[in-house]
């Protein structure tokens, strides 16, 4: 159960980071 929660949190972090990177790229452009 704990492992599953960690995976979900990791996925959320990845998604958040990707969204942030996309925003930065858009701003840069």
Protein backbone atom coordinates (compact mmCIF):
# COMPACT_ATOMS: atom_id res chain seq x y z
CA UNK A 1 0.00 0.00 0.00
CA UNK A 2 2.78 2.39 0.95
CA UNK A 3 4.64 1.54 -2.23
CA UNK A 4 1.55 2.26 -4.33
CA UNK A 5 1.11 5.62 -2.66
CA UNK A 6 4.73 6.48 -3.39
CA UNK A 7 4.25 5.65 -7.06
CA UNK A 8 1.19 7.87 -7.27
CA UNK A 9 3.01 10.73 -5.58
CA UNK A 10 5.94 10.30 -7.93
CA UNK A 11 3.65 10.39 -10.95
CA UNK A 12 2.00 13.57 -9.67
CA UNK A 13 5.40 15.16 -9.14
CA UNK A 14 6.46 14.23 -12.64
CA UNK A 15 3.28 15.71 -14.11
CA UNK A 16 3.73 18.89 -12.08
CA UNK A 17 7.34 19.23 -13.19
CA UNK A 18 6.40 18.67 -16.82
CA UNK A 19 3.69 21.32 -16.63
CA UNK A 20 6.10 23.77 -15.02
CA UNK A 21 8.72 23.08 -17.68
CA UNK A 22 6.14 23.63 -20.42
CA UNK A 23 5.14 26.97 -18.90
CA UNK A 24 8.79 28.04 -18.69
CA UNK A 25 9.36 27.08 -22.32
CA UNK A 26 6.29 29.01 -23.40
CA UNK A 27 7.50 32.04 -21.44
CA UNK A 28 10.94 31.70 -22.96
CA UNK A 29 9.46 31.61 -26.45
